[in-house]
Structure formats: structure tokens, C-alpha cells
Amino acid sequence: MNNSALRRAALALTLCSALSLAATAQPLPCPTTPADSAAVTDTLRAMYAAASASDLAQFHALLAPGFYAYDGGVRYDGDAIMKLIMQYQAKDAVFVWNVTQPEVHISCNMAWIAYVNSGSIKMSPTSPTVPTTWLESAVLKREAATWKLVFFHSTRVPPPTPPAK
């Protein structure tokens, strides 16, 4: 075997070894802490604080590019859902939202949360306050040290049916 063939064989062996190591290498761990779970939950609470205050700038600060939401069977892109809430608030509607029973799951820079939103709706100053529960979930991604909303979903729980007489 000449030197050229020997070098090619050595190079091929080196490449095969490198590819084999790369294929079996374990990904670097993405450590998370309880503070990450709290930060994800706090992002949803901040979204509701922004909505309660009709603060569109604060709402925007919580969103990742391409954010969208599903609520009541409708897709809302960007801040469309916030603008809808603000329209109701302009007519004196009052919404109360509370993130309860959060379950947060984190994988590196992505997280999802599912929780029960226990709150109320009052459509006008003269209407009754209606206790309301929603089942909600969201997907977030970490940008630098901040969790941003990528997707949000809300399903309103129907009020209890009175017992049959």
C-alpha cells in the first residue's frame, strides 16, 4: 500500500470514528430550577395583569414573535385577543382571572403550562358577577432570561347544570 492510499485509509478511519462518536454523544443537559417553573407561571399572571389594566405595551412585552391564541373556538393572531378584551372593557365589562393549580413542564428553552383559571365576568355595572372557570394551557419559550408566550389556549368550563326536578 502506498503513502497516498495509507493516508486515505487513515482519514476514512478518523472520519468514521468521529461520526460514530457524534452519533452516540449525549446532548448537553439543560438544567432547570424551581425558579423556572415559577417564572413560567408568573408570565401568565403578568399576561392577565396586562389584560386587566388594558396595557397593550405590557402584553406585547410578554409575546414571542408569531404568538397566537385559541379562545372560544376562534384563532386570534398577535394582540387580537387583547384588543377584543379591551373592547369589552371599554363597555365597562370586568374580567377577573386567577392562575390556579399550575402544572409546568420545561425542556431546555421550551415550556408548557396547564392550569385552572378561576375568575369571574361582569359584563356591565348593572349585571351580576358570574363566577367563571376556564381550563387553559400555554406554550412558552425562553428568550435570554425571559419566558415569552408562543401559544395560548382557553376553554370555558360550562356552568354547573341545576339538578333535574
N, C-alpha and C. Protein backbone atom coordinates (compact mmCIF):
# COMPACT_ATOMS: atom_id res chain seq x y z
N MET A 1 0.85 -1.16 0.00
CA MET A 1 0.00 0.00 0.00
C MET A 1 0.90 1.23 0.00
N ASN A 2 0.63 2.19 -0.91
CA ASN A 2 1.47 3.38 -0.97
C ASN A 2 1.03 4.40 0.08
N ASN A 3 1.82 5.47 0.23
CA ASN A 3 1.53 6.50 1.24
C ASN A 3 0.19 7.17 1.01
N SER A 4 -0.16 7.43 -0.23
CA SER A 4 -1.43 8.11 -0.54
C SER A 4 -2.61 7.23 -0.11
N ALA A 5 -2.56 5.97 -0.40
CA ALA A 5 -3.63 5.05 -0.02
C ALA A 5 -3.69 4.91 1.49
N LEU A 6 -2.53 4.89 2.14
CA LEU A 6 -2.47 4.79 3.59
C LEU A 6 -3.09 6.02 4.25
N ARG A 7 -2.82 7.20 3.70
CA ARG A 7 -3.40 8.44 4.25
C ARG A 7 -4.92 8.46 4.07
N ARG A 8 -5.38 8.02 2.89
CA ARG A 8 -6.83 7.99 2.67
C ARG A 8 -7.50 7.01 3.63
N ALA A 9 -6.89 5.88 3.86
CA ALA A 9 -7.44 4.90 4.78
C ALA A 9 -7.46 5.46 6.20
N ALA A 10 -6.41 6.15 6.60
CA ALA A 10 -6.35 6.76 7.94
C ALA A 10 -7.41 7.85 8.07
N LEU A 11 -7.57 8.66 7.02
CA LEU A 11 -8.58 9.72 7.04
C LEU A 11 -9.99 9.11 7.14
N ALA A 12 -10.24 8.07 6.36
CA ALA A 12 -11.55 7.41 6.39
C ALA A 12 -11.82 6.83 7.78
N LEU A 13 -10.81 6.22 8.40
CA LEU A 13 -10.97 5.66 9.73
C LEU A 13 -11.25 6.77 10.76
N THR A 14 -10.54 7.89 10.62
CA THR A 14 -10.74 9.02 11.53
C THR A 14 -12.14 9.58 11.37
N LEU A 15 -12.61 9.76 10.13
CA LEU A 15 -13.95 10.27 9.89
C LEU A 15 -15.02 9.33 10.45
N CYS A 16 -14.85 8.04 10.21
CA CYS A 16 -15.81 7.06 10.74
C CYS A 16 -15.85 7.11 12.26
N SER A 17 -14.70 7.23 12.88
CA SER A 17 -14.65 7.31 14.35
C SER A 17 -15.34 8.57 14.84
N ALA A 18 -15.08 9.70 14.18
CA ALA A 18 -15.70 10.97 14.59
C ALA A 18 -17.21 10.91 14.42
N LEU A 19 -17.67 10.36 13.29
CA LEU A 19 -19.11 10.26 13.06
C LEU A 19 -19.76 9.32 14.07
N SER A 20 -19.08 8.25 14.40
CA SER A 20 -19.61 7.31 15.38
C SER A 20 -19.73 7.97 16.75
N LEU A 21 -18.73 8.75 17.14
CA LEU A 21 -18.79 9.46 18.42
C LEU A 21 -19.92 10.49 18.42
N ALA A 22 -20.07 11.20 17.32
CA ALA A 22 -21.11 12.23 17.23
C ALA A 22 -22.49 11.59 17.31
N ALA A 23 -22.65 10.43 16.70
CA ALA A 23 -23.95 9.77 16.69
C ALA A 23 -24.34 9.26 18.07
N THR A 24 -23.36 8.91 18.89
CA THR A 24 -23.67 8.37 20.21
C THR A 24 -23.50 9.40 21.32
N ALA A 25 -23.11 10.61 20.98
CA ALA A 25 -22.90 11.63 22.01
C ALA A 25 -24.22 12.02 22.65
N GLN A 26 -24.18 12.26 23.93
CA GLN A 26 -25.35 12.69 24.66
C GLN A 26 -25.46 14.21 24.56
N PRO A 27 -26.66 14.74 24.37
CA PRO A 27 -26.81 16.19 24.33
C PRO A 27 -26.43 16.80 25.68
N LEU A 28 -25.97 18.03 25.62
CA LEU A 28 -25.65 18.72 26.87
C LEU A 28 -26.94 18.91 27.65
N PRO A 29 -26.88 18.73 28.97
CA PRO A 29 -28.10 18.90 29.77
C PRO A 29 -28.54 20.36 29.78
N CYS A 30 -29.83 20.53 29.93
CA CYS A 30 -30.41 21.87 30.07
C CYS A 30 -30.97 21.95 31.48
N PRO A 31 -30.16 22.39 32.40
CA PRO A 31 -30.66 22.41 33.78
C PRO A 31 -31.79 23.43 33.96
N THR A 32 -32.78 23.03 34.72
CA THR A 32 -33.86 23.94 35.07
C THR A 32 -33.99 23.92 36.59
N THR A 33 -34.60 24.95 37.11
CA THR A 33 -34.76 25.06 38.56
C THR A 33 -36.22 25.35 38.88
N PRO A 34 -36.59 25.23 40.14
CA PRO A 34 -37.96 25.61 40.52
C PRO A 34 -38.26 27.07 40.16
N ALA A 35 -37.24 27.89 40.12
CA ALA A 35 -37.45 29.30 39.73
C ALA A 35 -37.95 29.40 38.30
N ASP A 36 -37.54 28.47 37.42
CA ASP A 36 -38.04 28.47 36.04
C ASP A 36 -39.54 28.20 36.01
N SER A 37 -39.99 27.23 36.79
CA SER A 37 -41.43 26.94 36.84
C SER A 37 -42.21 28.14 37.35
N ALA A 38 -41.69 28.78 38.37
CA ALA A 38 -42.36 29.97 38.92
C ALA A 38 -42.38 31.09 37.88
N ALA A 39 -41.30 31.25 37.13
CA ALA A 39 -41.23 32.30 36.11
C ALA A 39 -42.24 32.06 34.99
N VAL A 40 -42.45 30.80 34.62
CA VAL A 40 -43.44 30.47 33.60
C VAL A 40 -44.84 30.86 34.11
N THR A 41 -45.16 30.46 35.33
CA THR A 41 -46.46 30.79 35.92
C THR A 41 -46.62 32.30 36.04
N ASP A 42 -45.56 32.99 36.45
CA ASP A 42 -45.61 34.45 36.59
C ASP A 42 -45.84 35.14 35.25
N THR A 43 -45.37 34.54 34.16
CA THR A 43 -45.61 35.12 32.83
C THR A 43 -47.10 35.13 32.53
N LEU A 44 -47.80 34.05 32.87
CA LEU A 44 -49.26 34.03 32.65
C LEU A 44 -49.95 35.03 33.56
N ARG A 45 -49.51 35.12 34.79
CA ARG A 45 -50.11 36.12 35.70
C ARG A 45 -49.86 37.53 35.18
N ALA A 46 -48.69 37.78 34.62
CA ALA A 46 -48.39 39.10 34.04
C ALA A 46 -49.27 39.38 32.82
N MET A 47 -49.59 38.32 32.05
CA MET A 47 -50.48 38.49 30.91
C MET A 47 -51.85 38.97 31.40
N TYR A 48 -52.36 38.36 32.46
CA TYR A 48 -53.66 38.76 32.99
C TYR A 48 -53.60 40.15 33.62
N ALA A 49 -52.49 40.50 34.24
CA ALA A 49 -52.35 41.85 34.79
C ALA A 49 -52.38 42.88 33.66
N ALA A 50 -51.70 42.57 32.56
CA ALA A 50 -51.72 43.47 31.41
C ALA A 50 -53.13 43.59 30.85
N ALA A 51 -53.82 42.46 30.76
CA ALA A 51 -55.20 42.49 30.23
C ALA A 51 -56.12 43.26 31.17
N SER A 52 -55.99 43.07 32.47
CA SER A 52 -56.84 43.78 33.43
C SER A 52 -56.63 45.28 33.35
N ALA A 53 -55.39 45.69 33.07
CA ALA A 53 -55.07 47.12 33.00
C ALA A 53 -55.19 47.68 31.59
N SER A 54 -55.64 46.86 30.64
CA SER A 54 -55.70 47.27 29.22
C SER A 54 -54.34 47.82 28.76
N ASP A 55 -53.27 47.16 29.19
CA ASP A 55 -51.91 47.62 28.89
C ASP A 55 -51.34 46.82 27.71
N LEU A 56 -51.58 47.34 26.52
CA LEU A 56 -51.16 46.66 25.30
C LEU A 56 -49.63 46.55 25.22
N ALA A 57 -48.91 47.57 25.66
CA ALA A 57 -47.44 47.53 25.62
C ALA A 57 -46.91 46.41 26.51
N GLN A 58 -47.47 46.25 27.71
CA GLN A 58 -47.04 45.18 28.61
C GLN A 58 -47.40 43.81 28.01
N PHE A 59 -48.55 43.72 27.39
CA PHE A 59 -48.95 42.47 26.74
C PHE A 59 -47.94 42.12 25.65
N HIS A 60 -47.59 43.09 24.81
CA HIS A 60 -46.61 42.85 23.73
C HIS A 60 -45.28 42.37 24.29
N ALA A 61 -44.87 42.90 25.44
CA ALA A 61 -43.58 42.53 26.03
C ALA A 61 -43.54 41.06 26.44
N LEU A 62 -44.69 40.43 26.58
CA LEU A 62 -44.77 39.04 27.01
C LEU A 62 -44.84 38.05 25.85
N LEU A 63 -44.94 38.55 24.62
CA LEU A 63 -45.18 37.69 23.47
C LEU A 63 -43.91 37.39 22.69
N ALA A 64 -43.82 36.15 22.21
CA ALA A 64 -42.79 35.77 21.25
C ALA A 64 -43.31 36.11 19.85
N PRO A 65 -42.42 36.32 18.90
CA PRO A 65 -42.88 36.55 17.52
C PRO A 65 -43.76 35.39 17.05
N GLY A 66 -44.85 35.72 16.37
CA GLY A 66 -45.74 34.69 15.85
C GLY A 66 -46.77 34.20 16.85
N PHE A 67 -46.88 34.84 18.01
CA PHE A 67 -47.85 34.41 19.02
C PHE A 67 -49.26 34.32 18.44
N TYR A 68 -49.98 33.30 18.88
CA TYR A 68 -51.40 33.20 18.58
C TYR A 68 -52.11 32.49 19.71
N ALA A 69 -53.44 32.63 19.74
CA ALA A 69 -54.24 32.05 20.81
C ALA A 69 -55.51 31.44 20.23
N TYR A 70 -56.00 30.41 20.90
CA TYR A 70 -57.33 29.87 20.63
C TYR A 70 -58.19 30.15 21.85
N ASP A 71 -59.32 30.76 21.62
CA ASP A 71 -60.26 31.02 22.72
C ASP A 71 -61.67 30.98 22.15
N GLY A 72 -62.53 30.23 22.78
CA GLY A 72 -63.92 30.14 22.34
C GLY A 72 -64.07 29.63 20.92
N GLY A 73 -63.17 28.77 20.48
CA GLY A 73 -63.25 28.21 19.14
C GLY A 73 -62.76 29.13 18.04
N VAL A 74 -62.07 30.22 18.41
CA VAL A 74 -61.58 31.19 17.43
C VAL A 74 -60.07 31.34 17.59
N ARG A 75 -59.38 31.49 16.46
CA ARG A 75 -57.95 31.76 16.48
C ARG A 75 -57.75 33.28 16.48
N TYR A 76 -56.86 33.74 17.37
CA TYR A 76 -56.50 35.15 17.47
C TYR A 76 -55.00 35.27 17.26
N ASP A 77 -54.59 36.02 16.25
CA ASP A 77 -53.18 36.21 15.97
C ASP A 77 -52.67 37.46 16.67
N GLY A 78 -51.44 37.40 17.17
CA GLY A 78 -50.82 38.57 17.78
C GLY A 78 -51.65 39.10 18.94
N ASP A 79 -51.93 40.39 18.90
CA ASP A 79 -52.65 41.01 20.01
C ASP A 79 -54.15 41.11 19.78
N ALA A 80 -54.69 40.37 18.83
CA ALA A 80 -56.12 40.45 18.53
C ALA A 80 -56.98 40.09 19.74
N ILE A 81 -56.56 39.11 20.52
CA ILE A 81 -57.36 38.73 21.70
C ILE A 81 -57.35 39.84 22.73
N MET A 82 -56.21 40.51 22.87
CA MET A 82 -56.12 41.62 23.82
C MET A 82 -57.01 42.79 23.37
N LYS A 83 -57.03 43.05 22.09
CA LYS A 83 -57.88 44.13 21.58
C LYS A 83 -59.36 43.81 21.78
N LEU A 84 -59.73 42.54 21.67
CA LEU A 84 -61.11 42.14 21.94
C LEU A 84 -61.46 42.38 23.41
N ILE A 85 -60.58 41.99 24.30
CA ILE A 85 -60.81 42.21 25.74
C ILE A 85 -60.97 43.70 26.01
N MET A 86 -60.13 44.51 25.39
CA MET A 86 -60.18 45.96 25.60
C MET A 86 -61.50 46.56 25.09
N GLN A 87 -62.05 45.97 24.02
CA GLN A 87 -63.36 46.44 23.53
C GLN A 87 -64.44 46.20 24.59
N TYR A 88 -64.41 45.03 25.21
CA TYR A 88 -65.39 44.74 26.27
C TYR A 88 -65.16 45.65 27.47
N GLN A 89 -63.90 45.88 27.83
CA GLN A 89 -63.61 46.75 28.97
C GLN A 89 -64.08 48.18 28.70
N ALA A 90 -64.02 48.62 27.45
CA ALA A 90 -64.49 49.96 27.10
C ALA A 90 -65.99 50.09 27.33
N LYS A 91 -66.69 48.95 27.36
CA LYS A 91 -68.13 48.93 27.64
C LYS A 91 -68.39 48.58 29.10
N ASP A 92 -67.36 48.74 29.94
CA ASP A 92 -67.44 48.53 31.39
C ASP A 92 -67.50 47.07 31.83
N ALA A 93 -67.11 46.15 30.97
CA ALA A 93 -67.01 44.75 31.40
C ALA A 93 -65.78 44.61 32.30
N VAL A 94 -65.92 43.74 33.30
CA VAL A 94 -64.82 43.48 34.22
C VAL A 94 -64.55 41.98 34.22
N PHE A 95 -63.30 41.64 33.94
CA PHE A 95 -62.87 40.24 33.96
C PHE A 95 -61.89 40.07 35.11
N VAL A 96 -62.03 38.96 35.82
CA VAL A 96 -61.09 38.60 36.87
C VAL A 96 -60.52 37.24 36.51
N TRP A 97 -59.19 37.15 36.48
CA TRP A 97 -58.52 35.90 36.12
C TRP A 97 -57.53 35.53 37.22
N ASN A 98 -57.49 34.25 37.56
CA ASN A 98 -56.56 33.75 38.58
C ASN A 98 -55.97 32.42 38.12
N VAL A 99 -54.67 32.37 38.00
CA VAL A 99 -53.99 31.12 37.64
C VAL A 99 -53.93 30.26 38.89
N THR A 100 -54.60 29.11 38.85
CA THR A 100 -54.59 28.18 39.98
C THR A 100 -54.18 26.79 39.48
N GLN A 101 -53.68 26.00 40.37
CA GLN A 101 -53.28 24.61 40.08
C GLN A 101 -52.36 24.50 38.87
N PRO A 102 -51.34 25.36 38.75
CA PRO A 102 -50.48 25.28 37.58
C PRO A 102 -49.64 24.00 37.56
N GLU A 103 -49.53 23.42 36.39
CA GLU A 103 -48.64 22.28 36.13
C GLU A 103 -47.69 22.74 35.04
N VAL A 104 -46.42 22.90 35.39
CA VAL A 104 -45.42 23.43 34.46
C VAL A 104 -44.46 22.32 34.07
N HIS A 105 -44.19 22.25 32.78
CA HIS A 105 -43.23 21.28 32.24
C HIS A 105 -42.22 22.05 31.40
N ILE A 106 -40.93 21.81 31.66
CA ILE A 106 -39.88 22.56 30.97
C ILE A 106 -38.90 21.59 30.34
N SER A 107 -38.53 21.90 29.10
CA SER A 107 -37.48 21.17 28.40
C SER A 107 -36.57 22.21 27.75
N CYS A 108 -35.44 22.41 28.36
CA CYS A 108 -34.47 23.42 27.90
C CYS A 108 -35.12 24.79 27.82
N ASN A 109 -35.28 25.31 26.62
CA ASN A 109 -35.81 26.66 26.44
C ASN A 109 -37.28 26.69 26.04
N MET A 110 -37.96 25.57 26.18
CA MET A 110 -39.40 25.50 25.89
C MET A 110 -40.13 25.03 27.15
N ALA A 111 -41.32 25.57 27.33
CA ALA A 111 -42.13 25.17 28.48
C ALA A 111 -43.59 25.14 28.07
N TRP A 112 -44.35 24.32 28.77
CA TRP A 112 -45.80 24.39 28.63
C TRP A 112 -46.40 24.33 30.01
N ILE A 113 -47.52 24.99 30.13
CA ILE A 113 -48.21 25.09 31.41
C ILE A 113 -49.69 24.78 31.16
N ALA A 114 -50.28 24.05 32.08
CA ALA A 114 -51.73 23.80 32.08
C ALA A 114 -52.21 24.20 33.47
N TYR A 115 -53.35 24.86 33.53
CA TYR A 115 -53.84 25.34 34.82
C TYR A 115 -55.34 25.59 34.75
N VAL A 116 -55.91 25.81 35.92
CA VAL A 116 -57.31 26.19 36.04
C VAL A 116 -57.34 27.69 36.31
N ASN A 117 -58.09 28.41 35.50
CA ASN A 117 -58.27 29.85 35.68
C ASN A 117 -59.61 30.03 36.39
N SER A 118 -59.55 30.42 37.65
CA SER A 118 -60.77 30.62 38.44
C SER A 118 -61.00 32.12 38.58
N GLY A 119 -62.06 32.60 37.97
CA GLY A 119 -62.29 34.04 38.00
C GLY A 119 -63.76 34.37 37.89
N SER A 120 -64.01 35.51 37.23
CA SER A 120 -65.39 35.94 37.07
C SER A 120 -65.49 36.91 35.90
N ILE A 121 -66.74 37.11 35.48
CA ILE A 121 -67.05 38.06 34.41
C ILE A 121 -68.24 38.90 34.87
N LYS A 122 -68.12 40.20 34.70
CA LYS A 122 -69.23 41.13 34.96
C LYS A 122 -69.32 41.99 33.71
N MET A 123 -70.36 41.80 32.91
CA MET A 123 -70.45 42.43 31.59
C MET A 123 -70.80 43.91 31.63
N SER A 124 -71.41 44.38 32.73
CA SER A 124 -71.75 45.80 32.85
C SER A 124 -71.90 46.13 34.33
N PRO A 125 -71.92 47.41 34.66
CA PRO A 125 -72.08 47.78 36.07
C PRO A 125 -73.37 47.26 36.70
N THR A 126 -74.39 47.04 35.89
CA THR A 126 -75.67 46.59 36.44
C THR A 126 -75.88 45.08 36.34
N SER A 127 -74.97 44.38 35.67
CA SER A 127 -75.13 42.93 35.53
C SER A 127 -74.48 42.21 36.71
N PRO A 128 -74.92 40.99 36.97
CA PRO A 128 -74.33 40.25 38.09
C PRO A 128 -72.91 39.78 37.74
N THR A 129 -72.13 39.59 38.77
CA THR A 129 -70.80 38.99 38.60
C THR A 129 -71.00 37.48 38.48
N VAL A 130 -70.50 36.91 37.41
CA VAL A 130 -70.69 35.49 37.16
C VAL A 130 -69.37 34.76 37.42
N PRO A 131 -69.32 33.91 38.45
CA PRO A 131 -68.11 33.11 38.65
C PRO A 131 -67.86 32.27 37.40
N THR A 132 -66.61 32.26 36.96
CA THR A 132 -66.28 31.58 35.71
C THR A 132 -64.99 30.81 35.88
N THR A 133 -64.95 29.63 35.29
CA THR A 133 -63.75 28.80 35.30
C THR A 133 -63.36 28.48 33.87
N TRP A 134 -62.08 28.55 33.59
CA TRP A 134 -61.54 28.18 32.29
C TRP A 134 -60.44 27.14 32.51
N LEU A 135 -60.33 26.20 31.58
CA LEU A 135 -59.18 25.30 31.55
C LEU A 135 -58.25 25.86 30.48
N GLU A 136 -56.99 26.13 30.87
CA GLU A 136 -56.10 26.84 29.96
C GLU A 136 -54.73 26.19 29.90
N SER A 137 -54.07 26.46 28.80
CA SER A 137 -52.70 25.98 28.62
C SER A 137 -51.96 26.97 27.74
N ALA A 138 -50.65 26.93 27.84
CA ALA A 138 -49.83 27.82 27.04
C ALA A 138 -48.48 27.18 26.78
N VAL A 139 -47.88 27.58 25.68
CA VAL A 139 -46.51 27.18 25.34
C VAL A 139 -45.67 28.44 25.39
N LEU A 140 -44.52 28.34 26.02
CA LEU A 140 -43.62 29.49 26.15
C LEU A 140 -42.22 29.09 25.71
N LYS A 141 -41.44 30.09 25.31
CA LYS A 141 -40.03 29.83 25.02
C LYS A 141 -39.20 30.86 25.75
N ARG A 142 -38.02 30.40 26.17
CA ARG A 142 -37.13 31.29 26.90
C ARG A 142 -36.31 32.09 25.89
N GLU A 143 -36.37 33.41 26.03
CA GLU A 143 -35.54 34.32 25.24
C GLU A 143 -34.68 35.07 26.23
N ALA A 144 -33.37 34.79 26.18
CA ALA A 144 -32.43 35.31 27.18
C ALA A 144 -32.91 34.76 28.53
N ALA A 145 -33.27 35.60 29.46
CA ALA A 145 -33.70 35.13 30.78
C ALA A 145 -35.20 35.30 30.98
N THR A 146 -35.94 35.52 29.89
CA THR A 146 -37.36 35.83 29.99
C THR A 146 -38.19 34.78 29.24
N TRP A 147 -39.29 34.37 29.85
CA TRP A 147 -40.22 33.45 29.19
C TRP A 147 -41.23 34.25 28.39
N LYS A 148 -41.39 33.89 27.10
CA LYS A 148 -42.30 34.58 26.19
C LYS A 148 -43.39 33.61 25.74
N LEU A 149 -44.60 34.13 25.61
CA LEU A 149 -45.73 33.31 25.16
C LEU A 149 -45.67 33.07 23.66
N VAL A 150 -45.76 31.80 23.28
CA VAL A 150 -45.79 31.39 21.88
C VAL A 150 -47.22 31.05 21.48
N PHE A 151 -47.93 30.37 22.39
CA PHE A 151 -49.29 29.89 22.11
C PHE A 151 -50.08 29.88 23.41
N PHE A 152 -51.36 30.19 23.30
CA PHE A 152 -52.26 30.20 24.45
C PHE A 152 -53.58 29.57 24.03
N HIS A 153 -54.16 28.76 24.92
CA HIS A 153 -55.45 28.13 24.64
C HIS A 153 -56.33 28.24 25.87
N SER A 154 -57.60 28.59 25.65
CA SER A 154 -58.55 28.71 26.75
C SER A 154 -59.87 28.04 26.38
N THR A 155 -60.37 27.23 27.29
CA THR A 155 -61.69 26.61 27.14
C THR A 155 -62.50 26.96 28.37
N ARG A 156 -63.64 27.58 28.16
CA ARG A 156 -64.51 27.95 29.27
C ARG A 156 -65.25 26.72 29.74
N VAL A 157 -65.24 26.51 31.05
CA VAL A 157 -65.97 25.38 31.63
C VAL A 157 -67.44 25.80 31.74
N PRO A 158 -68.34 24.98 31.21
CA PRO A 158 -69.77 25.34 31.31
C PRO A 158 -70.19 25.41 32.78
N PRO A 159 -71.11 26.32 33.09
CA PRO A 159 -71.60 26.39 34.48
C PRO A 159 -72.30 25.09 34.83
N PRO A 160 -72.31 24.77 36.12
CA PRO A 160 -72.97 23.52 36.53
C PRO A 160 -74.46 23.55 36.14
N THR A 161 -74.95 22.42 35.73
CA THR A 161 -76.35 22.28 35.37
C THR A 161 -77.15 22.05 36.65
N PRO A 162 -78.21 22.82 36.86
CA PRO A 162 -79.03 22.57 38.06
C PRO A 162 -79.60 21.15 38.02
N PRO A 163 -79.75 20.55 39.17
CA PRO A 163 -80.29 19.19 39.20
C PRO A 163 -81.72 19.16 38.63
N ALA A 164 -82.01 18.06 37.96
CA ALA A 164 -83.35 17.87 37.40
C ALA A 164 -84.36 17.73 38.52
N LYS A 165 -85.57 18.26 38.27
CA LYS A 165 -86.62 18.19 39.30
C LYS A 165 -87.54 17.06 39.04
